[in-house]
Amino acid sequence: MKTMIQNIPKAELHLHIEGTLEPDLMLELGRRNDILLPYDSIEEIEAAYDFSDLQSFLDIYYAGMKVLHTEQDYFDLTMAYLRKVKAQNVRHVEIFFDPQAHTSRGIPFSRVIGGIDRALKEAGSTMGISSGLILCFLRHLSAADAMKTLELALEYRELLIGVGLDSSESGHPPEKFTEVFARAREHGLKTVAHAGEEGPPAYIRGAIESLKVSRIDHGVRCLEDGALVRMLGAMQIPLTVCPLSNVRLRVFNQMKDHNLKQMLNAGLCVTLNSDDPAYFGGYLVENYRAAQQALDLSRQDIYQLARNSFRASFLGDKDKERLLGELDRFWEEQTD
């Protein structure tokens, strides 16, 4: 099963590029940009990753970002992630980035998106990894600030496939951003939103009804609402679940408590993802393996999760068919 998980073609749809900042790169960029960090070693940084909830993670997550300054920094960060997932046979990625966390520090939007986009294009030509870029609004900030960020981003519309909503969920319902998301949709941008991780199932319903999202990021609390589960199943709205993240942030006490298998059994379109892998202990393959071992996922479950990842992507029909065909050929070889 380990080999199958490693080699099966798959996509990643819930990945914060800032959350791939590994301790060694954080220290390197700190030295490069003459940024004083409160840590002197990789071990000290890793020791700080003992999170009690989402907010305790976010505090460290935002602090780590301050080493990112130049376009080359953003390029190096993104390329480091792409090299890792290339080795895990990830064929397509849809990456989140948080521009407000950078522009608020005086970093120009053009510098952030320029470095990320350059890495994505290089990976497409040299690694064969297709990609899309999703701008996420920080939900703990105002809707007015989100709208300002969107207007700035529209100058780079051709580099984006969609917008999303992340950061502190509790107390920040999706309806707060209805007008911002409507404006994004007017410009042809897809919409996704974090909902139902720490927030209640009502946030999932609100994201669907008010923000008109195509996907729900996390969504693990959906099982608390039977009517919502039936709606998600009937509409096949994808849920981008991140098991290692959920355990590290105490959404579930341990992996064997995770409800991923129940969600699959309920007929939901669930995908597996790594969220912020540098902080949560693993990239996509590690999430597959941890879930498989703890929840006794079958080979068919693994195939279904990989299939869902392509189905739930924002790729065009032709590219989806190509990657699904690659997956099915791999699966046939496994079952011969």
C-alpha atoms as a PDB file:
ATOM      1  CA  MET A   1       0.000   0.000   0.000  1.00  0.00           C
ATOM      2  CA  LYS A   2       2.890   2.406   0.742  1.00  0.00           C
ATOM      3  CA  THR A   3       4.197   2.041  -2.792  1.00  0.00           C
ATOM      4  CA  MET A   4       0.753   2.518  -4.291  1.00  0.00           C
ATOM      5  CA  ILE A   5       0.192   5.705  -2.297  1.00  0.00           C
ATOM      6  CA  GLN A   6       3.592   7.009  -3.369  1.00  0.00           C
ATOM      7  CA  ASN A   7       3.107   6.312  -7.056  1.00  0.00           C
ATOM      8  CA  ILE A   8      -0.583   6.870  -7.709  1.00  0.00           C
ATOM      9  CA  PRO A   9      -1.206  10.042  -9.783  1.00  0.00           C
ATOM     10  CA  LYS A  10      -2.949  12.662  -7.645  1.00  0.00           C
ATOM     11  CA  ALA A  11      -3.732  16.342  -7.273  1.00  0.00           C
ATOM     12  CA  GLU A  12      -3.469  18.688  -4.297  1.00  0.00           C
ATOM     13  CA  LEU A  13      -6.189  21.319  -3.918  1.00  0.00           C
ATOM     14  CA  HIS A  14      -5.727  22.685  -0.388  1.00  0.00           C
ATOM     15  CA  LEU A  15      -2.198  23.953   0.127  1.00  0.00           C
ATOM     16  CA  HIS A  16      -1.096  27.286   1.589  1.00  0.00           C
ATOM     17  CA  ILE A  17       2.230  28.100  -0.020  1.00  0.00           C
ATOM     18  CA  GLU A  18       3.315  30.067   3.066  1.00  0.00           C
ATOM     19  CA  GLY A  19       2.665  26.880   5.045  1.00  0.00           C
ATOM     20  CA  THR A  20       5.425  25.085   3.149  1.00  0.00           C
ATOM     21  CA  LEU A  21       8.132  27.253   4.748  1.00  0.00           C
ATOM     22  CA  GLU A  22      10.385  24.582   6.213  1.00  0.00           C
ATOM     23  CA  PRO A  23      12.615  25.504   9.182  1.00  0.00           C
ATOM     24  CA  ASP A  24      15.833  25.295   7.172  1.00  0.00           C
ATOM     25  CA  LEU A  25      14.494  27.652   4.510  1.00  0.00           C
ATOM     26  CA  MET A  26      13.123  29.983   7.191  1.00  0.00           C
ATOM     27  CA  LEU A  27      16.594  30.276   8.710  1.00  0.00           C
ATOM     28  CA  GLU A  28      18.223  30.688   5.287  1.00  0.00           C
ATOM     29  CA  LEU A  29      15.836  33.474   4.251  1.00  0.00           C
ATOM     30  CA  GLY A  30      16.227  35.142   7.640  1.00  0.00           C
ATOM     31  CA  ARG A  31      19.977  35.315   7.085  1.00  0.00           C
ATOM     32  CA  ARG A  32      19.555  36.395   3.464  1.00  0.00           C
ATOM     33  CA  ASN A  33      17.266  39.284   4.404  1.00  0.00           C
ATOM     34  CA  ASP A  34      18.936  40.154   7.714  1.00  0.00           C
ATOM     35  CA  ILE A  35      15.776  39.283   9.665  1.00  0.00           C
ATOM     36  CA  LEU A  36      16.235  38.455  13.338  1.00  0.00           C
ATOM     37  CA  LEU A  37      14.262  35.340  14.278  1.00  0.00           C
ATOM     38  CA  PRO A  38      13.513  34.161  17.827  1.00  0.00           C
ATOM     39  CA  TYR A  39      15.043  30.801  16.887  1.00  0.00           C
ATOM     40  CA  ASP A  40      18.658  29.793  16.361  1.00  0.00           C
ATOM     41  CA  SER A  41      18.176  26.283  15.003  1.00  0.00           C
ATOM     42  CA  ILE A  42      15.824  23.947  13.174  1.00  0.00           C
ATOM     43  CA  GLU A  43      15.239  22.112  16.448  1.00  0.00           C
ATOM     44  CA  GLU A  44      14.114  25.290  18.213  1.00  0.00           C
ATOM     45  CA  ILE A  45      11.678  26.080  15.417  1.00  0.00           C
ATOM     46  CA  GLU A  46      10.210  22.567  15.401  1.00  0.00           C
ATOM     47  CA  ALA A  47       9.834  22.657  19.184  1.00  0.00           C
ATOM     48  CA  ALA A  48       7.526  25.678  18.782  1.00  0.00           C
ATOM     49  CA  TYR A  49       5.112  23.633  16.649  1.00  0.00           C
ATOM     50  CA  ASP A  50       3.033  22.375  19.573  1.00  0.00           C
ATOM     51  CA  PHE A  51      -0.358  23.817  18.715  1.00  0.00           C
ATOM     52  CA  SER A  52      -3.434  23.832  20.922  1.00  0.00           C
ATOM     53  CA  ASP A  53      -5.828  25.139  18.266  1.00  0.00           C
ATOM     54  CA  LEU A  54      -6.020  27.017  14.973  1.00  0.00           C
ATOM     55  CA  GLN A  55      -5.115  30.397  16.479  1.00  0.00           C
ATOM     56  CA  SER A  56      -1.994  29.097  18.221  1.00  0.00           C
ATOM     57  CA  PHE A  57      -0.797  27.869  14.822  1.00  0.00           C
ATOM     58  CA  LEU A  58      -1.692  31.104  13.033  1.00  0.00           C
ATOM     59  CA  ASP A  59       0.361  33.155  15.493  1.00  0.00           C
ATOM     60  CA  ILE A  60       3.522  31.257  14.507  1.00  0.00           C
ATOM     61  CA  TYR A  61       2.497  30.982  10.847  1.00  0.00           C
ATOM     62  CA  TYR A  62       2.262  34.763  10.414  1.00  0.00           C
ATOM     63  CA  ALA A  63       5.458  35.332  12.394  1.00  0.00           C
ATOM     64  CA  GLY A  64       7.383  32.975  10.097  1.00  0.00           C
ATOM     65  CA  MET A  65       6.278  34.854   6.986  1.00  0.00           C
ATOM     66  CA  LYS A  66       8.320  37.913   7.894  1.00  0.00           C
ATOM     67  CA  VAL A  67      11.428  36.324   6.320  1.00  0.00           C
ATOM     68  CA  LEU A  68       9.768  36.547   2.889  1.00  0.00           C
ATOM     69  CA  HIS A  69      10.802  39.798   1.234  1.00  0.00           C
ATOM     70  CA  THR A  70      12.069  39.490  -2.334  1.00  0.00           C
ATOM     71  CA  GLU A  71      10.513  37.972  -5.439  1.00  0.00           C
ATOM     72  CA  GLN A  72      13.297  35.389  -5.296  1.00  0.00           C
ATOM     73  CA  ASP A  73      12.177  34.415  -1.777  1.00  0.00           C
ATOM     74  CA  TYR A  74       8.664  33.642  -3.049  1.00  0.00           C
ATOM     75  CA  PHE A  75      10.104  31.776  -6.019  1.00  0.00           C
ATOM     76  CA  ASP A  76      12.379  29.688  -3.796  1.00  0.00           C
ATOM     77  CA  LEU A  77       9.536  28.915  -1.374  1.00  0.00           C
ATOM     78  CA  THR A  78       7.252  27.739  -4.173  1.00  0.00           C
ATOM     79  CA  MET A  79       9.921  25.725  -5.996  1.00  0.00           C
ATOM     80  CA  ALA A  80      10.869  23.907  -2.793  1.00  0.00           C
ATOM     81  CA  TYR A  81       7.253  22.743  -2.447  1.00  0.00           C
ATOM     82  CA  LEU A  82       6.963  21.754  -6.104  1.00  0.00           C
ATOM     83  CA  ARG A  83      10.126  19.658  -5.972  1.00  0.00           C
ATOM     84  CA  LYS A  84       8.758  17.757  -2.973  1.00  0.00           C
ATOM     85  CA  VAL A  85       5.420  16.975  -4.587  1.00  0.00           C
ATOM     86  CA  LYS A  86       7.036  16.068  -7.903  1.00  0.00           C
ATOM     87  CA  ALA A  87       8.717  13.219  -6.018  1.00  0.00           C
ATOM     88  CA  GLN A  88       5.276  12.163  -4.709  1.00  0.00           C
ATOM     89  CA  ASN A  89       3.760  11.983  -8.217  1.00  0.00           C
ATOM     90  CA  VAL A  90       1.478  14.953  -7.655  1.00  0.00           C
ATOM     91  CA  ARG A  91       0.367  15.840 -11.171  1.00  0.00           C
ATOM     92  CA  HIS A  92      -1.638  19.010 -10.508  1.00  0.00           C
ATOM     93  CA  VAL A  93      -1.692  21.599  -7.704  1.00  0.00           C
ATOM     94  CA  GLU A  94      -4.004  24.468  -6.845  1.00  0.00           C
ATOM     95  CA  ILE A  95      -2.139  26.701  -4.444  1.00  0.00           C
ATOM     96  CA  PHE A  96      -3.429  29.267  -1.944  1.00  0.00           C
ATOM     97  CA  PHE A  97      -1.541  32.428  -1.056  1.00  0.00           C
ATOM     98  CA  ASP A  98      -2.337  35.161   1.487  1.00  0.00           C
ATOM     99  CA  PRO A  99      -1.401  38.531  -0.064  1.00  0.00           C
ATOM    100  CA  GLN A 100      -2.753  40.588   2.874  1.00  0.00           C
ATOM    101  CA  ALA A 101      -0.182  38.978   5.155  1.00  0.00           C
ATOM    102  CA  HIS A 102       2.527  40.371   2.877  1.00  0.00           C
ATOM    103  CA  THR A 103       1.174  43.714   1.679  1.00  0.00           C
ATOM    104  CA  SER A 104       0.498  44.642   5.314  1.00  0.00           C
ATOM    105  CA  ARG A 105       4.275  44.394   5.828  1.00  0.00           C
ATOM    106  CA  GLY A 106       4.958  46.710   2.895  1.00  0.00           C
ATOM    107  CA  ILE A 107       5.677  43.955   0.364  1.00  0.00           C
ATOM    108  CA  PRO A 108       4.260  44.873  -3.067  1.00  0.00           C
ATOM    109  CA  PHE A 109       1.567  42.526  -4.391  1.00  0.00           C
ATOM    110  CA  SER A 110       3.474  42.279  -7.679  1.00  0.00           C
ATOM    111  CA  ARG A 111       6.533  40.910  -5.894  1.00  0.00           C
ATOM    112  CA  VAL A 112       4.551  38.168  -4.133  1.00  0.00           C
ATOM    113  CA  ILE A 113       2.575  36.952  -7.119  1.00  0.00           C
ATOM    114  CA  GLY A 114       5.547  37.389  -9.444  1.00  0.00           C
ATOM    115  CA  GLY A 115       7.762  34.964  -7.548  1.00  0.00           C
ATOM    116  CA  ILE A 116       5.028  32.366  -7.062  1.00  0.00           C
ATOM    117  CA  ASP A 117       3.849  32.527 -10.664  1.00  0.00           C
ATOM    118  CA  ARG A 118       7.388  32.225 -12.039  1.00  0.00           C
ATOM    119  CA  ALA A 119       7.901  29.014 -10.035  1.00  0.00           C
ATOM    120  CA  LEU A 120       4.567  27.555 -11.148  1.00  0.00           C
ATOM    121  CA  LYS A 121       5.385  28.222 -14.792  1.00  0.00           C
ATOM    122  CA  GLU A 122       8.856  26.704 -14.446  1.00  0.00           C
ATOM    123  CA  ALA A 123       7.402  23.597 -12.784  1.00  0.00           C
ATOM    124  CA  GLY A 124       4.927  23.280 -15.619  1.00  0.00           C
ATOM    125  CA  SER A 125       7.660  23.292 -18.244  1.00  0.00           C
ATOM    126  CA  THR A 126      10.353  21.293 -16.423  1.00  0.00           C
ATOM    127  CA  MET A 127       8.395  18.977 -14.088  1.00  0.00           C
ATOM    128  CA  GLY A 128       5.119  18.491 -15.912  1.00  0.00           C
ATOM    129  CA  ILE A 129       3.087  19.733 -12.950  1.00  0.00           C
ATOM    130  CA  SER A 130       0.039  21.769 -13.936  1.00  0.00           C
ATOM    131  CA  SER A 131      -1.156  24.397 -11.507  1.00  0.00           C
ATOM    132  CA  GLY A 132      -3.565  27.135 -10.542  1.00  0.00           C
ATOM    133  CA  LEU A 133      -3.244  29.997  -8.079  1.00  0.00           C
ATOM    134  CA  ILE A 134      -5.977  30.979  -5.610  1.00  0.00           C
ATOM    135  CA  LEU A 135      -5.888  34.248  -3.682  1.00  0.00           C
ATOM    136  CA  CYS A 136      -7.205  33.820  -0.124  1.00  0.00           C
ATOM    137  CA  PHE A 137      -8.687  36.631   1.934  1.00  0.00           C
ATOM    138  CA  LEU A 138      -7.900  36.706   5.650  1.00  0.00           C
ATOM    139  CA  ARG A 139     -11.298  36.424   7.280  1.00  0.00           C
ATOM    140  CA  HIS A 140     -10.243  38.029  10.555  1.00  0.00           C
ATOM    141  CA  LEU A 141      -9.700  41.263   8.603  1.00  0.00           C
ATOM    142  CA  SER A 142     -12.521  43.421   7.278  1.00  0.00           C
ATOM    143  CA  ALA A 143     -14.530  42.873   4.127  1.00  0.00           C
ATOM    144  CA  ALA A 144     -13.383  46.326   3.020  1.00  0.00           C
ATOM    145  CA  ASP A 145      -9.754  45.231   3.241  1.00  0.00           C
ATOM    146  CA  ALA A 146     -10.595  42.085   1.265  1.00  0.00           C
ATOM    147  CA  MET A 147     -12.293  44.183  -1.428  1.00  0.00           C
ATOM    148  CA  LYS A 148      -9.259  46.458  -1.622  1.00  0.00           C
ATOM    149  CA  THR A 149      -7.035  43.395  -2.062  1.00  0.00           C
ATOM    150  CA  LEU A 150      -9.307  41.987  -4.752  1.00  0.00           C
ATOM    151  CA  GLU A 151      -9.226  45.227  -6.738  1.00  0.00           C
ATOM    152  CA  LEU A 152      -5.432  45.181  -6.552  1.00  0.00           C
ATOM    153  CA  ALA A 153      -5.371  41.527  -7.636  1.00  0.00           C
ATOM    154  CA  LEU A 154      -7.568  42.134 -10.662  1.00  0.00           C
ATOM    155  CA  GLU A 155      -4.568  43.784 -12.320  1.00  0.00           C
ATOM    156  CA  TYR A 156      -3.134  40.238 -12.384  1.00  0.00           C
ATOM    157  CA  ARG A 157      -6.403  38.477 -13.243  1.00  0.00           C
ATOM    158  CA  GLU A 158      -4.771  36.216 -15.851  1.00  0.00           C
ATOM    159  CA  LEU A 159      -2.532  34.673 -13.162  1.00  0.00           C
ATOM    160  CA  LEU A 160      -5.420  33.617 -10.894  1.00  0.00           C
ATOM    161  CA  ILE A 161      -8.015  30.855 -11.115  1.00  0.00           C
ATOM    162  CA  GLY A 162      -9.997  31.796  -8.041  1.00  0.00           C
ATOM    163  CA  VAL A 163     -10.367  33.345  -4.604  1.00  0.00           C
ATOM    164  CA  GLY A 164     -10.754  31.724  -1.204  1.00  0.00           C
ATOM    165  CA  LEU A 165     -11.248  32.489   2.454  1.00  0.00           C
ATOM    166  CA  ASP A 166      -8.931  31.377   5.256  1.00  0.00           C
ATOM    167  CA  SER A 167      -7.414  32.316   8.642  1.00  0.00           C
ATOM    168  CA  SER A 168      -9.380  32.425  11.924  1.00  0.00           C
ATOM    169  CA  GLU A 169     -12.754  30.791  11.299  1.00  0.00           C
ATOM    170  CA  SER A 170     -14.549  31.106  14.627  1.00  0.00           C
ATOM    171  CA  GLY A 171     -16.620  34.285  14.820  1.00  0.00           C
ATOM    172  CA  HIS A 172     -16.109  35.145  11.146  1.00  0.00           C
ATOM    173  CA  PRO A 173     -19.031  33.707   9.148  1.00  0.00           C
ATOM    174  CA  PRO A 174     -18.727  33.543   5.368  1.00  0.00           C
ATOM    175  CA  GLU A 175     -21.619  35.967   4.855  1.00  0.00           C
ATOM    176  CA  LYS A 176     -19.237  38.751   5.911  1.00  0.00           C
ATOM    177  CA  PHE A 177     -17.622  38.480   2.456  1.00  0.00           C
ATOM    178  CA  THR A 178     -20.690  38.088   0.220  1.00  0.00           C
ATOM    179  CA  GLU A 179     -20.049  41.267  -1.785  1.00  0.00           C
ATOM    180  CA  VAL A 180     -16.339  40.523  -2.217  1.00  0.00           C
ATOM    181  CA  PHE A 181     -17.020  37.069  -3.602  1.00  0.00           C
ATOM    182  CA  ALA A 182     -19.768  38.393  -5.886  1.00  0.00           C
ATOM    183  CA  ARG A 183     -17.257  40.887  -7.298  1.00  0.00           C
ATOM    184  CA  ALA A 184     -14.727  38.074  -7.848  1.00  0.00           C
ATOM    185  CA  ARG A 185     -17.297  35.969  -9.679  1.00  0.00           C
ATOM    186  CA  GLU A 186     -18.119  38.919 -11.955  1.00  0.00           C
ATOM    187  CA  HIS A 187     -14.536  38.617 -13.203  1.00  0.00           C
ATOM    188  CA  GLY A 188     -14.817  34.891 -13.825  1.00  0.00           C
ATOM    189  CA  LEU A 189     -12.906  33.774 -10.733  1.00  0.00           C
ATOM    190  CA  LYS A 190     -13.829  30.484  -9.083  1.00  0.00           C
ATOM    191  CA  THR A 191     -14.672  30.626  -5.370  1.00  0.00           C
ATOM    192  CA  VAL A 192     -13.752  28.341  -2.472  1.00  0.00           C
ATOM    193  CA  ALA A 193     -13.821  28.856   1.305  1.00  0.00           C
ATOM    194  CA  HIS A 194     -12.558  27.298   4.497  1.00  0.00           C
ATOM    195  CA  ALA A 195     -15.614  26.247   6.489  1.00  0.00           C
ATOM    196  CA  GLY A 196     -16.603  23.651   9.040  1.00  0.00           C
ATOM    197  CA  GLU A 197     -13.144  23.105  10.532  1.00  0.00           C
ATOM    198  CA  GLU A 198     -13.500  24.997  13.804  1.00  0.00           C
ATOM    199  CA  GLY A 199     -16.627  26.823  12.699  1.00  0.00           C
ATOM    200  CA  PRO A 200     -20.069  25.135  12.773  1.00  0.00           C
ATOM    201  CA  PRO A 201     -21.820  23.317   9.908  1.00  0.00           C
ATOM    202  CA  ALA A 202     -23.810  26.514   9.321  1.00  0.00           C
ATOM    203  CA  TYR A 203     -20.614  28.084   7.972  1.00  0.00           C
ATOM    204  CA  ILE A 204     -20.482  25.387   5.280  1.00  0.00           C
ATOM    205  CA  ARG A 205     -24.046  26.092   4.257  1.00  0.00           C
ATOM    206  CA  GLY A 206     -23.342  29.849   4.352  1.00  0.00           C
ATOM    207  CA  ALA A 207     -20.309  29.474   2.089  1.00  0.00           C
ATOM    208  CA  ILE A 208     -22.377  27.547  -0.449  1.00  0.00           C
ATOM    209  CA  GLU A 209     -25.415  29.798  -0.367  1.00  0.00           C
ATOM    210  CA  SER A 210     -23.827  33.243   0.122  1.00  0.00           C
ATOM    211  CA  LEU A 211     -20.411  32.880  -1.502  1.00  0.00           C
ATOM    212  CA  LYS A 212     -21.525  30.400  -4.211  1.00  0.00           C
ATOM    213  CA  VAL A 213     -18.388  28.331  -3.657  1.00  0.00           C
ATOM    214  CA  SER A 214     -17.409  25.446  -5.918  1.00  0.00           C
ATOM    215  CA  ARG A 215     -15.498  23.697  -3.108  1.00  0.00           C
ATOM    216  CA  ILE A 216     -15.422  23.639   0.679  1.00  0.00           C
ATOM    217  CA  ASP A 217     -11.989  23.578   2.302  1.00  0.00           C
ATOM    218  CA  HIS A 218     -11.996  21.228   5.327  1.00  0.00           C
ATOM    219  CA  GLY A 219     -15.728  20.757   5.939  1.00  0.00           C
ATOM    220  CA  VAL A 220     -15.208  17.957   8.464  1.00  0.00           C
ATOM    221  CA  ARG A 221     -18.022  19.176  10.722  1.00  0.00           C
ATOM    222  CA  CYS A 222     -20.590  18.581   7.995  1.00  0.00           C
ATOM    223  CA  LEU A 223     -21.510  15.212   9.526  1.00  0.00           C
ATOM    224  CA  GLU A 224     -23.151  17.043  12.433  1.00  0.00           C
ATOM    225  CA  ASP A 225     -25.943  18.114  10.061  1.00  0.00           C
ATOM    226  CA  GLY A 226     -27.720  15.311   8.215  1.00  0.00           C
ATOM    227  CA  ALA A 227     -29.532  17.639   5.811  1.00  0.00           C
ATOM    228  CA  LEU A 228     -26.238  19.312   4.932  1.00  0.00           C
ATOM    229  CA  VAL A 229     -24.624  15.938   4.236  1.00  0.00           C
ATOM    230  CA  ARG A 230     -27.470  15.045   1.882  1.00  0.00           C
ATOM    231  CA  MET A 231     -27.054  18.370   0.081  1.00  0.00           C
ATOM    232  CA  LEU A 232     -23.278  17.969  -0.246  1.00  0.00           C
ATOM    233  CA  GLY A 233     -23.771  14.443  -1.568  1.00  0.00           C
ATOM    234  CA  ALA A 234     -26.469  15.389  -4.044  1.00  0.00           C
ATOM    235  CA  MET A 235     -24.529  18.382  -5.380  1.00  0.00           C
ATOM    236  CA  GLN A 236     -21.154  16.581  -5.146  1.00  0.00           C
ATOM    237  CA  ILE A 237     -19.537  19.706  -3.742  1.00  0.00           C
ATOM    238  CA  PRO A 238     -15.920  18.703  -3.063  1.00  0.00           C
ATOM    239  CA  LEU A 239     -14.462  18.819   0.440  1.00  0.00           C
ATOM    240  CA  THR A 240     -10.689  19.339   0.628  1.00  0.00           C
ATOM    241  CA  VAL A 241      -9.841  17.493   3.840  1.00  0.00           C
ATOM    242  CA  CYS A 242      -6.435  17.759   5.567  1.00  0.00           C
ATOM    243  CA  PRO A 243      -6.036  14.911   8.102  1.00  0.00           C
ATOM    244  CA  LEU A 244      -2.634  15.709   9.631  1.00  0.00           C
ATOM    245  CA  SER A 245      -3.643  19.345  10.004  1.00  0.00           C
ATOM    246  CA  ASN A 246      -6.904  18.377  11.711  1.00  0.00           C
ATOM    247  CA  VAL A 247      -5.052  16.290  14.283  1.00  0.00           C
ATOM    248  CA  ARG A 248      -2.250  18.806  14.908  1.00  0.00           C
ATOM    249  CA  LEU A 249      -4.830  21.574  15.477  1.00  0.00           C
ATOM    250  CA  ARG A 250      -6.899  19.349  17.810  1.00  0.00           C
ATOM    251  CA  VAL A 251      -9.982  19.184  15.580  1.00  0.00           C
ATOM    252  CA  PHE A 252      -9.591  15.446  16.252  1.00  0.00           C
ATOM    253  CA  ASN A 253      -7.566  14.117  19.176  1.00  0.00           C
ATOM    254  CA  GLN A 254      -5.904  11.408  17.111  1.00  0.00           C
ATOM    255  CA  MET A 255      -5.986  10.153  13.548  1.00  0.00           C
ATOM    256  CA  LYS A 256      -8.126   7.123  14.348  1.00  0.00           C
ATOM    257  CA  ASP A 257     -10.866   9.553  15.454  1.00  0.00           C
ATOM    258  CA  HIS A 258     -10.950  11.319  12.072  1.00  0.00           C
ATOM    259  CA  ASN A 259     -14.246  11.117  10.188  1.00  0.00           C
ATOM    260  CA  LEU A 260     -12.733  10.859   6.689  1.00  0.00           C
ATOM    261  CA  LYS A 261     -13.904   7.265   6.203  1.00  0.00           C
ATOM    262  CA  GLN A 262     -17.419   8.191   7.309  1.00  0.00           C
ATOM    263  CA  MET A 263     -17.436  11.017   4.796  1.00  0.00           C
ATOM    264  CA  LEU A 264     -16.386   8.653   2.020  1.00  0.00           C
ATOM    265  CA  ASN A 265     -19.015   6.130   3.057  1.00  0.00           C
ATOM    266  CA  ALA A 266     -21.637   8.904   2.943  1.00  0.00           C
ATOM    267  CA  GLY A 267     -20.868   9.384  -0.760  1.00  0.00           C
ATOM    268  CA  LEU A 268     -19.212  12.785  -0.359  1.00  0.00           C
ATOM    269  CA  CYS A 269     -16.587  14.003  -2.833  1.00  0.00           C
ATOM    270  CA  VAL A 270     -13.663  14.045  -0.394  1.00  0.00           C
ATOM    271  CA  THR A 271     -10.080  14.856  -1.368  1.00  0.00           C
ATOM    272  CA  LEU A 272      -6.891  14.566   0.694  1.00  0.00           C
ATOM    273  CA  ASN A 273      -4.504  17.501   1.074  1.00  0.00           C
ATOM    274  CA  SER A 274      -1.661  18.733   3.282  1.00  0.00           C
ATOM    275  CA  ASP A 275      -2.773  22.299   4.198  1.00  0.00           C
ATOM    276  CA  ASP A 276       0.445  23.660   5.819  1.00  0.00           C
ATOM    277  CA  PRO A 277       2.822  20.686   5.595  1.00  0.00           C
ATOM    278  CA  ALA A 278       5.925  22.348   7.046  1.00  0.00           C
ATOM    279  CA  TYR A 279       4.014  22.909  10.287  1.00  0.00           C
ATOM    280  CA  PHE A 280       1.832  19.792  10.440  1.00  0.00           C
ATOM    281  CA  GLY A 281       4.279  16.977   9.808  1.00  0.00           C
ATOM    282  CA  GLY A 282       3.784  15.878   6.242  1.00  0.00           C
ATOM    283  CA  TYR A 283       3.088  16.537   2.596  1.00  0.00           C
ATOM    284  CA  LEU A 284       0.447  14.798   0.489  1.00  0.00           C
ATOM    285  CA  VAL A 285       1.825  11.251   0.610  1.00  0.00           C
ATOM    286  CA  GLU A 286       2.260  11.475   4.384  1.00  0.00           C
ATOM    287  CA  ASN A 287      -1.395  12.502   4.717  1.00  0.00           C
ATOM    288  CA  TYR A 288      -2.521   9.574   2.573  1.00  0.00           C
ATOM    289  CA  ARG A 289      -0.392   7.132   4.554  1.00  0.00           C
ATOM    290  CA  ALA A 290      -1.439   8.428   7.972  1.00  0.00           C
ATOM    291  CA  ALA A 291      -5.124   8.274   7.058  1.00  0.00           C
ATOM    292  CA  GLN A 292      -4.805   4.868   5.428  1.00  0.00           C
ATOM    293  CA  GLN A 293      -3.086   3.303   8.410  1.00  0.00           C
ATOM    294  CA  ALA A 294      -5.298   4.815  11.118  1.00  0.00           C
ATOM    295  CA  LEU A 295      -8.620   4.409   9.313  1.00  0.00           C
ATOM    296  CA  ASP A 296      -7.867   1.158   7.471  1.00  0.00           C
ATOM    297  CA  LEU A 297      -8.566   2.692   4.084  1.00  0.00           C
ATOM    298  CA  SER A 298      -8.743   0.148   1.281  1.00  0.00           C
ATOM    299  CA  ARG A 299      -6.939   0.310  -2.051  1.00  0.00           C
ATOM    300  CA  GLN A 300     -10.290   1.274  -3.572  1.00  0.00           C
ATOM    301  CA  ASP A 301     -10.558   4.158  -1.074  1.00  0.00           C
ATOM    302  CA  ILE A 302      -7.119   5.412  -2.099  1.00  0.00           C
ATOM    303  CA  TYR A 303      -8.068   5.219  -5.754  1.00  0.00           C
ATOM    304  CA  GLN A 304     -11.325   7.071  -5.064  1.00  0.00           C
ATOM    305  CA  LEU A 305      -9.535   9.843  -3.176  1.00  0.00           C
ATOM    306  CA  ALA A 306      -7.068  10.303  -6.031  1.00  0.00           C
ATOM    307  CA  ARG A 307      -9.912  10.269  -8.562  1.00  0.00           C
ATOM    308  CA  ASN A 308     -11.831  12.847  -6.522  1.00  0.00           C
ATOM    309  CA  SER A 309      -8.770  15.108  -6.487  1.00  0.00           C
ATOM    310  CA  PHE A 310      -8.829  15.413 -10.276  1.00  0.00           C
ATOM    311  CA  ARG A 311     -12.624  15.618 -10.498  1.00  0.00           C
ATOM    312  CA  ALA A 312     -12.689  18.432  -7.915  1.00  0.00           C
ATOM    313  CA  SER A 313      -9.961  20.477  -9.598  1.00  0.00           C
ATOM    314  CA  PHE A 314     -10.528  23.587 -11.695  1.00  0.00           C
ATOM    315  CA  LEU A 315      -8.841  22.025 -14.704  1.00  0.00           C
ATOM    316  CA  GLY A 316     -10.646  22.099 -18.037  1.00  0.00           C
ATOM    317  CA  ASP A 317     -12.458  18.991 -19.206  1.00  0.00           C
ATOM    318  CA  LYS A 318      -9.700  17.948 -21.597  1.00  0.00           C
ATOM    319  CA  ASP A 319      -6.985  18.104 -18.931  1.00  0.00           C
ATOM    320  CA  LYS A 320      -9.206  16.323 -16.411  1.00  0.00           C
ATOM    321  CA  GLU A 321      -9.826  13.505 -18.885  1.00  0.00           C
ATOM    322  CA  ARG A 322      -6.098  13.207 -19.565  1.00  0.00           C
ATOM    323  CA  LEU A 323      -5.173  12.936 -15.884  1.00  0.00           C
ATOM    324  CA  LEU A 324      -8.088  10.658 -15.045  1.00  0.00           C
ATOM    325  CA  GLY A 325      -6.961   8.440 -17.908  1.00  0.00           C
ATOM    326  CA  GLU A 326      -3.443   8.364 -16.454  1.00  0.00           C
ATOM    327  CA  LEU A 327      -4.904   7.436 -13.069  1.00  0.00           C
ATOM    328  CA  ASP A 328      -7.092   4.695 -14.514  1.00  0.00           C
ATOM    329  CA  ARG A 329      -4.172   3.154 -16.403  1.00  0.00           C
ATOM    330  CA  PHE A 330      -2.202   3.112 -13.164  1.00  0.00           C
ATOM    331  CA  TRP A 331      -5.161   1.498 -11.346  1.00  0.00           C
ATOM    332  CA  GLU A 332      -5.575  -1.184 -14.020  1.00  0.00           C
ATOM    333  CA  GLU A 333      -1.916  -2.111 -13.615  1.00  0.00           C
ATOM    334  CA  GLN A 334      -2.467  -2.486  -9.861  1.00  0.00           C
ATOM    335  CA  THR A 335      -5.484  -4.748 -10.277  1.00  0.00           C
ATOM    336  CA  ASP A 336      -4.183  -6.994 -13.083  1.00  0.00           C
END
